[in-house]
């Protein structure tokens, strides 16, 4: 099921790199953007080996920052593809081995080409512990627990990671993700981040400070 979500999320490009910034994984969407016949063909390559080599230095500098402990969150980047240049919203985080030592970078990007970005939609009501989504979403709102999950989704966390962070069951998180998708009028979880970008909801991450364990 997880593999199906990763490879069938048409708006979401997912990758992993080792400490030398060589690709160790990508999903089908990113492989297609690179003009490759399969995701396996990207393994061992660097950004300089791929069609987006004009942006390779920017990507690699961002990855190096991540390896140094910085968080790359919702940064706009251009990407040269085989037939066009697109605008991406990129996030990445450090990965660690079984002993907790950094061993690479994992990230995801959403194609936001052509999106009209609205700033700071939605409103948090701290007294009622709800987050109003605004008139575009029929004045729906996230509950406090949904809002917590929503922020982790924007950070690129998986359902399993969110369940661990919030000490909830995977089944509970899956249910809350479905509710979030419905309220944002999304047909699939992979559409949540693009919808949040388009309608100016990603600003909710501005006050998040990541503390290293």
N, C-alpha and C. Protein backbone atom coordinates (compact mmCIF):
# COMPACT_ATOMS: atom_id res chain seq x y z
N UNK A 1 0.82 -1.21 0.00
CA UNK A 1 0.00 0.00 0.00
C UNK A 1 0.86 1.26 0.00
N UNK A 2 1.90 1.30 0.88
CA UNK A 2 2.79 2.46 0.94
C UNK A 2 3.47 2.67 -0.40
N UNK A 3 3.92 1.57 -1.03
CA UNK A 3 4.59 1.67 -2.33
C UNK A 3 3.65 2.26 -3.37
N UNK A 4 2.37 1.87 -3.31
CA UNK A 4 1.40 2.40 -4.27
C UNK A 4 1.22 3.91 -4.09
N UNK A 5 1.15 4.36 -2.83
CA UNK A 5 1.00 5.79 -2.57
C UNK A 5 2.20 6.55 -3.08
N UNK A 6 3.42 6.02 -2.81
CA UNK A 6 4.64 6.70 -3.24
C UNK A 6 4.71 6.81 -4.75
N UNK A 7 4.39 5.72 -5.45
CA UNK A 7 4.56 5.70 -6.90
C UNK A 7 3.38 6.24 -7.68
N UNK A 8 2.22 6.38 -7.03
CA UNK A 8 1.05 6.87 -7.73
C UNK A 8 0.68 8.30 -7.37
N UNK A 9 1.51 8.94 -6.58
CA UNK A 9 1.27 10.34 -6.22
C UNK A 9 1.83 11.22 -7.34
N UNK A 10 0.97 11.57 -8.30
CA UNK A 10 1.44 12.21 -9.52
C UNK A 10 1.99 13.62 -9.28
N UNK A 11 1.55 14.26 -8.21
CA UNK A 11 2.03 15.62 -7.93
C UNK A 11 3.26 15.65 -7.05
N UNK A 12 3.66 14.51 -6.52
CA UNK A 12 4.69 14.47 -5.50
C UNK A 12 5.93 13.72 -5.99
N UNK A 13 7.07 14.40 -5.99
CA UNK A 13 8.35 13.78 -6.35
C UNK A 13 9.10 13.47 -5.06
N UNK A 14 9.51 12.22 -4.90
CA UNK A 14 10.14 11.78 -3.66
C UNK A 14 11.52 11.20 -3.98
N UNK A 15 12.50 11.49 -3.14
CA UNK A 15 13.85 10.98 -3.39
C UNK A 15 14.59 10.75 -2.08
N UNK A 16 15.68 10.02 -2.18
CA UNK A 16 16.63 9.87 -1.07
C UNK A 16 18.03 9.88 -1.66
N UNK A 17 18.98 10.45 -0.91
CA UNK A 17 20.38 10.48 -1.33
C UNK A 17 21.26 10.03 -0.17
N UNK A 18 22.46 9.52 -0.52
CA UNK A 18 23.40 9.14 0.53
C UNK A 18 24.21 10.36 0.96
N UNK A 19 25.21 10.14 1.83
CA UNK A 19 26.00 11.26 2.36
C UNK A 19 26.79 11.98 1.28
N UNK A 20 27.07 11.29 0.17
CA UNK A 20 27.80 11.91 -0.94
C UNK A 20 26.86 12.55 -1.95
N UNK A 21 25.58 12.62 -1.59
CA UNK A 21 24.53 13.22 -2.40
C UNK A 21 24.33 12.50 -3.73
N UNK A 22 24.55 11.18 -3.69
CA UNK A 22 24.17 10.33 -4.82
C UNK A 22 22.80 9.74 -4.54
N UNK A 23 21.96 9.69 -5.55
CA UNK A 23 20.60 9.18 -5.37
C UNK A 23 20.61 7.71 -4.99
N UNK A 24 19.81 7.37 -3.99
CA UNK A 24 19.63 5.97 -3.59
C UNK A 24 18.19 5.50 -3.83
N UNK A 25 17.32 6.46 -4.12
CA UNK A 25 15.90 6.13 -4.34
C UNK A 25 15.19 7.31 -4.99
N UNK A 26 14.19 7.02 -5.80
CA UNK A 26 13.21 8.03 -6.21
C UNK A 26 11.92 7.32 -6.58
N UNK A 27 10.82 8.05 -6.59
CA UNK A 27 9.57 7.43 -7.01
C UNK A 27 9.37 7.60 -8.52
N UNK A 28 8.30 7.02 -9.02
CA UNK A 28 8.05 7.02 -10.47
C UNK A 28 7.89 8.43 -11.01
N UNK A 29 7.28 9.31 -10.23
CA UNK A 29 7.04 10.68 -10.69
C UNK A 29 8.36 11.42 -10.95
N UNK A 30 9.32 11.26 -10.05
CA UNK A 30 10.61 11.92 -10.23
C UNK A 30 11.39 11.28 -11.37
N UNK A 31 11.29 9.96 -11.51
CA UNK A 31 11.96 9.28 -12.62
C UNK A 31 11.45 9.79 -13.96
N UNK A 32 10.15 9.99 -14.07
CA UNK A 32 9.58 10.52 -15.30
C UNK A 32 10.06 11.94 -15.57
N UNK A 33 10.15 12.75 -14.51
CA UNK A 33 10.64 14.12 -14.67
C UNK A 33 12.08 14.14 -15.16
N UNK A 34 12.85 13.11 -14.78
CA UNK A 34 14.25 13.01 -15.20
C UNK A 34 14.40 12.38 -16.58
N UNK A 35 13.31 11.88 -17.14
CA UNK A 35 13.38 11.23 -18.45
C UNK A 35 13.95 9.83 -18.38
N UNK A 36 13.85 9.19 -17.21
CA UNK A 36 14.38 7.84 -17.02
C UNK A 36 13.29 6.81 -17.27
N UNK A 37 13.70 5.60 -17.64
CA UNK A 37 12.74 4.53 -17.90
C UNK A 37 12.19 3.92 -16.62
N UNK A 38 12.95 4.01 -15.53
CA UNK A 38 12.51 3.45 -14.26
C UNK A 38 13.23 4.16 -13.11
N UNK A 39 12.66 4.13 -11.90
CA UNK A 39 13.33 4.74 -10.75
C UNK A 39 14.70 4.14 -10.46
N UNK A 40 14.89 2.87 -10.78
CA UNK A 40 16.17 2.22 -10.50
C UNK A 40 17.33 2.90 -11.25
N UNK A 41 17.04 3.52 -12.37
CA UNK A 41 18.11 4.13 -13.18
C UNK A 41 18.73 5.36 -12.52
N UNK A 42 18.07 5.90 -11.50
CA UNK A 42 18.62 7.09 -10.85
C UNK A 42 19.66 6.74 -9.80
N UNK A 43 19.68 5.49 -9.34
CA UNK A 43 20.57 5.08 -8.26
C UNK A 43 22.03 5.29 -8.65
N UNK A 44 22.76 5.96 -7.77
CA UNK A 44 24.18 6.21 -8.01
C UNK A 44 24.47 7.50 -8.76
N UNK A 45 23.45 8.12 -9.30
CA UNK A 45 23.65 9.36 -10.04
C UNK A 45 23.60 10.56 -9.09
N UNK A 46 24.16 11.69 -9.54
CA UNK A 46 24.04 12.95 -8.82
C UNK A 46 23.18 13.89 -9.65
N UNK A 47 22.85 15.03 -9.08
CA UNK A 47 22.04 16.02 -9.80
C UNK A 47 22.74 16.49 -11.08
N UNK A 48 24.07 16.48 -11.07
CA UNK A 48 24.82 16.90 -12.27
C UNK A 48 24.68 15.90 -13.42
N UNK A 49 24.27 14.67 -13.13
CA UNK A 49 24.11 13.65 -14.15
C UNK A 49 22.73 13.67 -14.80
N UNK A 50 21.85 14.53 -14.30
CA UNK A 50 20.45 14.48 -14.71
C UNK A 50 20.05 15.75 -15.45
N UNK A 51 18.85 15.71 -16.02
CA UNK A 51 18.41 16.77 -16.92
C UNK A 51 18.32 18.13 -16.22
N UNK A 52 18.16 18.12 -14.90
CA UNK A 52 18.09 19.39 -14.16
C UNK A 52 19.47 19.85 -13.70
N UNK A 53 20.52 19.49 -14.42
CA UNK A 53 21.88 19.90 -14.04
C UNK A 53 22.03 21.42 -13.91
N UNK A 54 21.25 22.26 -14.66
CA UNK A 54 21.39 23.72 -14.44
C UNK A 54 21.08 24.14 -13.00
N UNK A 55 20.25 23.36 -12.31
CA UNK A 55 19.91 23.70 -10.93
C UNK A 55 20.66 22.83 -9.91
N UNK A 56 21.60 22.00 -10.40
CA UNK A 56 22.27 21.03 -9.53
C UNK A 56 22.96 21.69 -8.34
N UNK A 57 23.64 22.78 -8.56
CA UNK A 57 24.37 23.44 -7.48
C UNK A 57 23.42 23.90 -6.38
N UNK A 58 22.27 24.45 -6.75
CA UNK A 58 21.28 24.91 -5.77
C UNK A 58 20.76 23.74 -4.95
N UNK A 59 20.40 22.64 -5.66
CA UNK A 59 19.88 21.46 -4.96
C UNK A 59 20.91 20.90 -3.98
N UNK A 60 22.15 20.79 -4.44
CA UNK A 60 23.18 20.16 -3.61
C UNK A 60 23.55 21.05 -2.42
N UNK A 61 23.58 22.37 -2.62
CA UNK A 61 23.84 23.26 -1.49
C UNK A 61 22.74 23.13 -0.44
N UNK A 62 21.49 23.00 -0.90
CA UNK A 62 20.39 22.80 0.03
C UNK A 62 20.52 21.49 0.78
N UNK A 63 20.91 20.44 0.08
CA UNK A 63 21.11 19.14 0.72
C UNK A 63 22.25 19.18 1.73
N UNK A 64 23.30 19.89 1.41
CA UNK A 64 24.43 20.00 2.36
C UNK A 64 23.99 20.74 3.63
N UNK A 65 23.16 21.76 3.47
CA UNK A 65 22.63 22.45 4.64
C UNK A 65 21.83 21.49 5.52
N UNK A 66 21.05 20.62 4.88
CA UNK A 66 20.27 19.64 5.63
C UNK A 66 21.19 18.70 6.39
N UNK A 67 22.27 18.26 5.74
CA UNK A 67 23.22 17.37 6.40
C UNK A 67 23.92 18.05 7.58
N UNK A 68 23.97 19.38 7.54
CA UNK A 68 24.56 20.13 8.65
C UNK A 68 23.54 20.42 9.75
N UNK A 69 22.32 19.92 9.58
CA UNK A 69 21.33 20.06 10.64
C UNK A 69 20.23 21.06 10.38
N UNK A 70 20.25 21.74 9.22
CA UNK A 70 19.20 22.70 8.92
C UNK A 70 17.99 21.97 8.32
N UNK A 71 16.85 22.60 8.40
CA UNK A 71 15.63 22.05 7.83
C UNK A 71 15.29 22.80 6.56
N UNK A 72 15.08 22.08 5.47
CA UNK A 72 14.64 22.69 4.22
C UNK A 72 13.13 22.50 4.15
N UNK A 73 12.38 23.58 4.21
CA UNK A 73 10.94 23.47 4.31
C UNK A 73 10.24 24.41 3.34
N UNK A 74 9.51 23.84 2.39
CA UNK A 74 8.66 24.61 1.48
C UNK A 74 9.42 25.74 0.78
N UNK A 75 10.56 25.40 0.20
CA UNK A 75 11.35 26.37 -0.56
C UNK A 75 11.03 26.24 -2.05
N UNK A 76 10.85 27.37 -2.69
CA UNK A 76 10.58 27.33 -4.13
C UNK A 76 11.88 27.12 -4.90
N UNK A 77 11.84 26.21 -5.85
CA UNK A 77 12.99 25.93 -6.70
C UNK A 77 12.51 25.70 -8.13
N UNK A 78 13.33 26.11 -9.09
CA UNK A 78 13.06 25.77 -10.48
C UNK A 78 13.62 24.38 -10.76
N UNK A 79 13.00 23.66 -11.71
CA UNK A 79 13.53 22.37 -12.15
C UNK A 79 13.42 22.27 -13.66
N UNK A 80 14.54 22.02 -14.30
CA UNK A 80 14.54 21.74 -15.74
C UNK A 80 14.16 20.28 -15.96
N UNK A 81 13.08 20.06 -16.72
CA UNK A 81 12.70 18.71 -17.09
C UNK A 81 12.93 18.53 -18.58
N UNK A 82 12.56 17.40 -19.13
CA UNK A 82 12.90 17.09 -20.52
C UNK A 82 12.29 18.08 -21.51
N UNK A 83 11.07 18.53 -21.25
CA UNK A 83 10.38 19.39 -22.22
C UNK A 83 9.97 20.74 -21.66
N UNK A 84 10.27 21.01 -20.39
CA UNK A 84 9.80 22.25 -19.79
C UNK A 84 10.59 22.56 -18.52
N UNK A 85 10.40 23.77 -18.02
CA UNK A 85 10.95 24.17 -16.72
C UNK A 85 9.76 24.41 -15.80
N UNK A 86 9.78 23.78 -14.63
CA UNK A 86 8.67 23.89 -13.70
C UNK A 86 9.12 24.54 -12.40
N UNK A 87 8.15 24.96 -11.61
CA UNK A 87 8.41 25.52 -10.28
C UNK A 87 7.99 24.49 -9.24
N UNK A 88 8.89 24.21 -8.31
CA UNK A 88 8.63 23.22 -7.27
C UNK A 88 8.59 23.87 -5.90
N UNK A 89 7.87 23.23 -5.00
CA UNK A 89 7.95 23.56 -3.58
C UNK A 89 8.67 22.39 -2.93
N UNK A 90 9.86 22.64 -2.38
CA UNK A 90 10.75 21.56 -1.94
C UNK A 90 10.93 21.53 -0.42
N UNK A 91 10.97 20.32 0.10
CA UNK A 91 11.28 20.11 1.52
C UNK A 91 12.24 18.93 1.61
N UNK A 92 13.11 18.93 2.61
CA UNK A 92 14.04 17.82 2.79
C UNK A 92 14.45 17.74 4.25
N UNK A 93 14.87 16.55 4.64
CA UNK A 93 15.31 16.34 6.02
C UNK A 93 16.44 15.31 6.04
N UNK A 94 17.18 15.31 7.13
CA UNK A 94 18.29 14.38 7.27
C UNK A 94 17.78 12.98 7.57
N UNK A 95 18.49 11.97 7.11
CA UNK A 95 18.17 10.59 7.47
C UNK A 95 19.33 10.03 8.31
N UNK A 96 19.02 9.06 9.12
CA UNK A 96 20.03 8.49 10.01
C UNK A 96 20.06 6.97 9.89
N UNK A 97 21.20 6.38 10.27
CA UNK A 97 21.30 4.93 10.27
C UNK A 97 20.74 4.38 11.58
N UNK A 98 20.87 3.06 11.78
CA UNK A 98 20.27 2.43 12.96
C UNK A 98 20.90 2.89 14.27
N UNK A 99 22.09 3.49 14.18
CA UNK A 99 22.76 4.00 15.37
C UNK A 99 22.50 5.49 15.60
N UNK A 100 21.70 6.08 14.72
CA UNK A 100 21.36 7.49 14.87
C UNK A 100 22.31 8.47 14.23
N UNK A 101 23.26 7.94 13.43
CA UNK A 101 24.21 8.83 12.76
C UNK A 101 23.68 9.24 11.38
N UNK A 102 23.92 10.49 10.97
CA UNK A 102 23.43 10.94 9.66
C UNK A 102 23.99 10.07 8.54
N UNK A 103 23.10 9.64 7.64
CA UNK A 103 23.58 8.83 6.51
C UNK A 103 23.03 9.31 5.18
N UNK A 104 22.36 10.46 5.18
CA UNK A 104 21.87 10.97 3.91
C UNK A 104 20.74 11.97 4.08
N UNK A 105 20.04 12.18 2.98
CA UNK A 105 18.95 13.17 2.92
C UNK A 105 17.76 12.53 2.21
N UNK A 106 16.58 12.83 2.69
CA UNK A 106 15.34 12.43 1.99
C UNK A 106 14.50 13.67 1.80
N UNK A 107 13.82 13.74 0.66
CA UNK A 107 13.02 14.93 0.41
C UNK A 107 11.87 14.67 -0.52
N UNK A 108 11.02 15.67 -0.62
CA UNK A 108 9.92 15.59 -1.57
C UNK A 108 9.67 16.98 -2.15
N UNK A 109 9.15 17.00 -3.36
CA UNK A 109 8.85 18.26 -4.05
C UNK A 109 7.47 18.16 -4.68
N UNK A 110 6.77 19.28 -4.69
CA UNK A 110 5.45 19.37 -5.29
C UNK A 110 5.52 20.38 -6.44
N UNK A 111 5.00 20.00 -7.60
CA UNK A 111 4.96 20.89 -8.75
C UNK A 111 3.86 21.93 -8.52
N UNK A 112 4.24 23.20 -8.37
CA UNK A 112 3.25 24.26 -8.16
C UNK A 112 3.22 25.22 -9.35
N UNK A 113 3.71 24.78 -10.50
CA UNK A 113 3.71 25.62 -11.69
C UNK A 113 2.29 26.07 -12.02
N UNK A 114 2.11 27.36 -12.20
CA UNK A 114 0.80 27.88 -12.57
C UNK A 114 -0.12 28.15 -11.40
N UNK A 115 0.30 27.79 -10.20
CA UNK A 115 -0.55 28.05 -9.04
C UNK A 115 -0.51 29.54 -8.69
N UNK A 116 -1.64 30.07 -8.32
CA UNK A 116 -1.70 31.41 -7.76
C UNK A 116 -1.61 31.27 -6.24
N UNK A 117 -0.54 31.76 -5.68
CA UNK A 117 -0.31 31.57 -4.25
C UNK A 117 -0.91 32.72 -3.45
N UNK A 118 -1.79 32.39 -2.55
CA UNK A 118 -2.40 33.37 -1.67
C UNK A 118 -1.71 33.29 -0.31
N UNK A 119 -1.39 34.41 0.27
CA UNK A 119 -0.65 34.40 1.53
C UNK A 119 -1.60 34.38 2.73
N UNK A 120 -1.23 33.58 3.69
CA UNK A 120 -1.83 33.59 5.03
C UNK A 120 -3.35 33.50 5.05
N UNK A 121 -3.88 32.49 4.38
CA UNK A 121 -5.28 32.16 4.54
C UNK A 121 -5.46 31.33 5.80
N UNK A 122 -6.70 31.19 6.23
CA UNK A 122 -6.96 30.40 7.42
C UNK A 122 -6.69 31.21 8.68
N UNK A 123 -7.29 30.78 9.77
CA UNK A 123 -7.13 31.52 11.03
C UNK A 123 -7.24 30.57 12.22
N UNK A 124 -6.28 30.66 13.11
CA UNK A 124 -6.27 29.82 14.30
C UNK A 124 -7.03 30.50 15.42
N UNK A 125 -8.00 29.77 15.98
CA UNK A 125 -8.73 30.24 17.15
C UNK A 125 -8.19 29.46 18.35
N UNK A 126 -7.27 30.10 19.09
CA UNK A 126 -6.59 29.41 20.19
C UNK A 126 -7.51 29.10 21.35
N UNK A 127 -8.59 29.87 21.50
CA UNK A 127 -9.52 29.63 22.60
C UNK A 127 -10.37 28.38 22.35
N UNK A 128 -10.80 28.22 21.08
CA UNK A 128 -11.63 27.06 20.74
C UNK A 128 -10.79 25.87 20.26
N UNK A 129 -9.47 26.11 20.11
CA UNK A 129 -8.57 25.06 19.63
C UNK A 129 -8.98 24.52 18.27
N UNK A 130 -9.34 25.42 17.36
CA UNK A 130 -9.66 25.01 15.99
C UNK A 130 -8.99 25.97 15.00
N UNK A 131 -8.82 25.49 13.77
CA UNK A 131 -8.19 26.28 12.72
C UNK A 131 -9.19 26.43 11.58
N UNK A 132 -9.71 27.66 11.42
CA UNK A 132 -10.68 27.93 10.35
C UNK A 132 -9.97 27.97 9.00
N UNK A 133 -10.55 27.32 8.01
CA UNK A 133 -9.93 27.24 6.69
C UNK A 133 -10.36 28.37 5.75
N UNK A 134 -11.42 29.06 6.08
CA UNK A 134 -11.84 30.19 5.28
C UNK A 134 -12.96 29.86 4.30
N UNK A 135 -13.47 30.88 3.62
CA UNK A 135 -14.66 30.73 2.77
C UNK A 135 -14.45 29.81 1.57
N UNK A 136 -13.23 29.71 1.07
CA UNK A 136 -13.02 28.83 -0.09
C UNK A 136 -13.35 27.39 0.25
N UNK A 137 -13.17 27.01 1.51
CA UNK A 137 -13.43 25.65 1.95
C UNK A 137 -14.73 25.56 2.76
N UNK A 138 -15.70 26.40 2.37
CA UNK A 138 -17.03 26.37 2.99
C UNK A 138 -16.97 26.57 4.50
N UNK A 139 -15.98 27.38 4.93
CA UNK A 139 -15.81 27.70 6.35
C UNK A 139 -15.62 26.45 7.23
N UNK A 140 -15.05 25.42 6.62
CA UNK A 140 -14.67 24.23 7.40
C UNK A 140 -13.53 24.60 8.34
N UNK A 141 -13.25 23.72 9.29
CA UNK A 141 -12.14 23.97 10.21
C UNK A 141 -11.51 22.64 10.62
N UNK A 142 -10.22 22.72 10.98
CA UNK A 142 -9.52 21.58 11.55
C UNK A 142 -9.68 21.61 13.06
N UNK A 143 -9.89 20.46 13.65
CA UNK A 143 -9.81 20.36 15.11
C UNK A 143 -8.35 20.49 15.53
N UNK A 144 -8.13 20.65 16.81
CA UNK A 144 -6.74 20.77 17.29
C UNK A 144 -5.91 19.58 16.88
N UNK A 145 -6.46 18.37 17.00
CA UNK A 145 -5.71 17.17 16.66
C UNK A 145 -5.46 17.07 15.15
N UNK A 146 -6.43 17.48 14.35
CA UNK A 146 -6.23 17.50 12.90
C UNK A 146 -5.19 18.54 12.52
N UNK A 147 -5.21 19.67 13.21
CA UNK A 147 -4.25 20.74 12.91
C UNK A 147 -2.83 20.28 13.19
N UNK A 148 -2.64 19.52 14.26
CA UNK A 148 -1.31 18.97 14.57
C UNK A 148 -0.85 18.03 13.45
N UNK A 149 -1.74 17.18 12.99
CA UNK A 149 -1.41 16.25 11.91
C UNK A 149 -1.11 17.02 10.62
N UNK A 150 -1.93 18.04 10.33
CA UNK A 150 -1.76 18.86 9.13
C UNK A 150 -0.36 19.47 9.07
N UNK A 151 0.11 20.00 10.18
CA UNK A 151 1.44 20.62 10.20
C UNK A 151 2.53 19.59 9.91
N UNK A 152 2.39 18.40 10.46
CA UNK A 152 3.39 17.37 10.18
C UNK A 152 3.34 16.92 8.72
N UNK A 153 2.15 16.90 8.11
CA UNK A 153 2.05 16.58 6.69
C UNK A 153 2.79 17.62 5.86
N UNK A 154 2.67 18.89 6.23
CA UNK A 154 3.38 19.95 5.52
C UNK A 154 4.89 19.80 5.65
N UNK A 155 5.32 19.18 6.74
CA UNK A 155 6.75 18.96 6.97
C UNK A 155 7.26 17.70 6.25
N UNK A 156 6.35 17.01 5.55
CA UNK A 156 6.76 15.83 4.79
C UNK A 156 6.81 14.56 5.59
N UNK A 157 6.20 14.55 6.77
CA UNK A 157 6.22 13.35 7.60
C UNK A 157 5.22 12.32 7.09
N UNK A 158 5.58 11.05 7.22
CA UNK A 158 4.69 9.96 6.83
C UNK A 158 3.66 9.72 7.93
N UNK A 159 2.63 8.93 7.60
CA UNK A 159 1.62 8.59 8.60
C UNK A 159 2.26 7.90 9.80
N UNK A 160 3.17 6.97 9.54
CA UNK A 160 3.83 6.24 10.63
C UNK A 160 4.65 7.19 11.51
N UNK A 161 5.35 8.14 10.90
CA UNK A 161 6.15 9.10 11.67
C UNK A 161 5.25 10.00 12.52
N UNK A 162 4.12 10.43 11.94
CA UNK A 162 3.20 11.28 12.69
C UNK A 162 2.62 10.52 13.87
N UNK A 163 2.25 9.27 13.63
CA UNK A 163 1.70 8.45 14.71
C UNK A 163 2.69 8.34 15.86
N UNK A 164 3.97 8.16 15.54
CA UNK A 164 5.01 8.05 16.56
C UNK A 164 5.20 9.37 17.29
N UNK A 165 5.24 10.48 16.54
CA UNK A 165 5.46 11.80 17.15
C UNK A 165 4.33 12.17 18.09
N UNK A 166 3.08 11.85 17.69
CA UNK A 166 1.92 12.28 18.46
C UNK A 166 1.39 11.20 19.40
N UNK A 167 2.08 10.05 19.40
CA UNK A 167 1.67 8.94 20.28
C UNK A 167 0.22 8.52 20.03
N UNK A 168 -0.10 8.40 18.75
CA UNK A 168 -1.42 7.92 18.35
C UNK A 168 -1.25 6.70 17.45
N UNK A 169 -2.30 5.95 17.27
CA UNK A 169 -2.23 4.78 16.41
C UNK A 169 -2.19 5.20 14.94
N UNK A 170 -1.60 4.36 14.11
CA UNK A 170 -1.56 4.64 12.67
C UNK A 170 -2.98 4.75 12.12
N UNK A 171 -3.87 3.90 12.62
CA UNK A 171 -5.27 3.92 12.16
C UNK A 171 -5.91 5.28 12.47
N UNK A 172 -5.63 5.83 13.64
CA UNK A 172 -6.18 7.14 14.02
C UNK A 172 -5.64 8.23 13.10
N UNK A 173 -4.33 8.20 12.85
CA UNK A 173 -3.73 9.22 11.98
C UNK A 173 -4.29 9.10 10.57
N UNK A 174 -4.45 7.87 10.06
CA UNK A 174 -5.03 7.69 8.73
C UNK A 174 -6.42 8.29 8.64
N UNK A 175 -7.21 8.10 9.70
CA UNK A 175 -8.55 8.66 9.73
C UNK A 175 -8.50 10.19 9.72
N UNK A 176 -7.58 10.77 10.49
CA UNK A 176 -7.46 12.22 10.55
C UNK A 176 -6.95 12.79 9.23
N UNK A 177 -6.06 12.07 8.56
CA UNK A 177 -5.58 12.51 7.25
C UNK A 177 -6.72 12.51 6.24
N UNK A 178 -7.56 11.49 6.28
CA UNK A 178 -8.72 11.45 5.37
C UNK A 178 -9.65 12.63 5.62
N UNK A 179 -9.84 12.96 6.91
CA UNK A 179 -10.69 14.09 7.25
C UNK A 179 -10.08 15.40 6.75
N UNK A 180 -8.77 15.56 6.92
CA UNK A 180 -8.07 16.75 6.43
C UNK A 180 -8.22 16.87 4.92
N UNK A 181 -8.03 15.76 4.21
CA UNK A 181 -8.16 15.77 2.75
C UNK A 181 -9.58 16.16 2.34
N UNK A 182 -10.57 15.62 3.00
CA UNK A 182 -11.96 15.96 2.68
C UNK A 182 -12.25 17.44 2.89
N UNK A 183 -11.75 17.99 4.01
CA UNK A 183 -12.02 19.39 4.31
C UNK A 183 -11.30 20.33 3.34
N UNK A 184 -10.17 19.86 2.78
CA UNK A 184 -9.45 20.65 1.79
C UNK A 184 -9.90 20.32 0.37
N UNK A 185 -10.96 19.50 0.27
CA UNK A 185 -11.54 19.13 -1.03
C UNK A 185 -10.53 18.41 -1.91
N UNK A 186 -9.73 17.56 -1.27
CA UNK A 186 -8.73 16.76 -1.97
C UNK A 186 -9.22 15.32 -2.13
N UNK A 187 -8.92 14.72 -3.26
CA UNK A 187 -9.31 13.34 -3.49
C UNK A 187 -8.31 12.36 -2.91
N UNK A 188 -7.08 12.83 -2.66
CA UNK A 188 -6.03 11.94 -2.20
C UNK A 188 -5.10 12.70 -1.28
N UNK A 189 -4.44 11.98 -0.39
CA UNK A 189 -3.50 12.60 0.55
C UNK A 189 -2.43 13.41 -0.17
N UNK A 190 -1.99 12.95 -1.36
CA UNK A 190 -0.92 13.63 -2.08
C UNK A 190 -1.32 15.03 -2.54
N UNK A 191 -2.61 15.36 -2.52
CA UNK A 191 -3.08 16.67 -2.95
C UNK A 191 -3.13 17.68 -1.80
N UNK A 192 -2.89 17.23 -0.57
CA UNK A 192 -3.02 18.11 0.58
C UNK A 192 -1.99 19.24 0.54
N UNK A 193 -0.72 18.91 0.31
CA UNK A 193 0.33 19.95 0.31
C UNK A 193 0.12 20.94 -0.84
N UNK A 194 -0.15 20.48 -2.08
CA UNK A 194 -0.42 21.46 -3.14
C UNK A 194 -1.60 22.38 -2.82
N UNK A 195 -2.65 21.83 -2.21
CA UNK A 195 -3.80 22.66 -1.84
C UNK A 195 -3.40 23.68 -0.78
N UNK A 196 -2.60 23.26 0.19
CA UNK A 196 -2.14 24.17 1.24
C UNK A 196 -1.30 25.30 0.67
N UNK A 197 -0.47 24.96 -0.33
CA UNK A 197 0.36 25.98 -0.99
C UNK A 197 -0.51 26.97 -1.76
N UNK A 198 -1.42 26.41 -2.54
CA UNK A 198 -2.25 27.25 -3.41
C UNK A 198 -3.09 28.24 -2.63
N UNK A 199 -3.59 27.81 -1.47
CA UNK A 199 -4.50 28.65 -0.72
C UNK A 199 -3.88 29.28 0.53
N UNK A 200 -2.53 29.34 0.54
CA UNK A 200 -1.84 30.12 1.55
C UNK A 200 -1.93 29.61 2.97
N UNK A 201 -1.87 28.28 3.14
CA UNK A 201 -1.97 27.70 4.48
C UNK A 201 -0.63 27.26 5.04
N UNK A 202 0.44 27.32 4.24
CA UNK A 202 1.72 26.81 4.71
C UNK A 202 2.39 27.73 5.73
N UNK A 203 1.89 28.96 5.87
CA UNK A 203 2.49 29.88 6.85
C UNK A 203 2.40 29.34 8.27
N UNK A 204 1.53 28.35 8.50
CA UNK A 204 1.38 27.83 9.87
C UNK A 204 2.67 27.19 10.36
N UNK A 205 3.61 26.92 9.46
CA UNK A 205 4.89 26.33 9.88
C UNK A 205 5.88 27.39 10.34
N UNK A 206 5.55 28.65 10.15
CA UNK A 206 6.53 29.71 10.45
C UNK A 206 6.98 29.73 11.90
N UNK A 207 6.12 29.27 12.82
CA UNK A 207 6.48 29.33 14.24
C UNK A 207 6.96 28.01 14.78
N UNK A 208 7.29 27.06 13.86
CA UNK A 208 7.76 25.75 14.31
C UNK A 208 9.28 25.78 14.47
N UNK A 209 9.76 25.35 15.60
CA UNK A 209 11.20 25.25 15.86
C UNK A 209 11.53 23.77 16.07
N UNK A 210 12.40 23.26 15.24
CA UNK A 210 12.75 21.85 15.32
C UNK A 210 13.86 21.66 16.33
N UNK A 211 13.64 20.83 17.32
CA UNK A 211 14.63 20.56 18.36
C UNK A 211 15.25 19.21 18.10
N UNK A 212 16.56 19.15 18.03
CA UNK A 212 17.25 17.90 17.78
C UNK A 212 17.27 17.05 19.06
N UNK A 213 16.88 15.79 18.92
CA UNK A 213 16.87 14.88 20.08
C UNK A 213 18.29 14.55 20.52
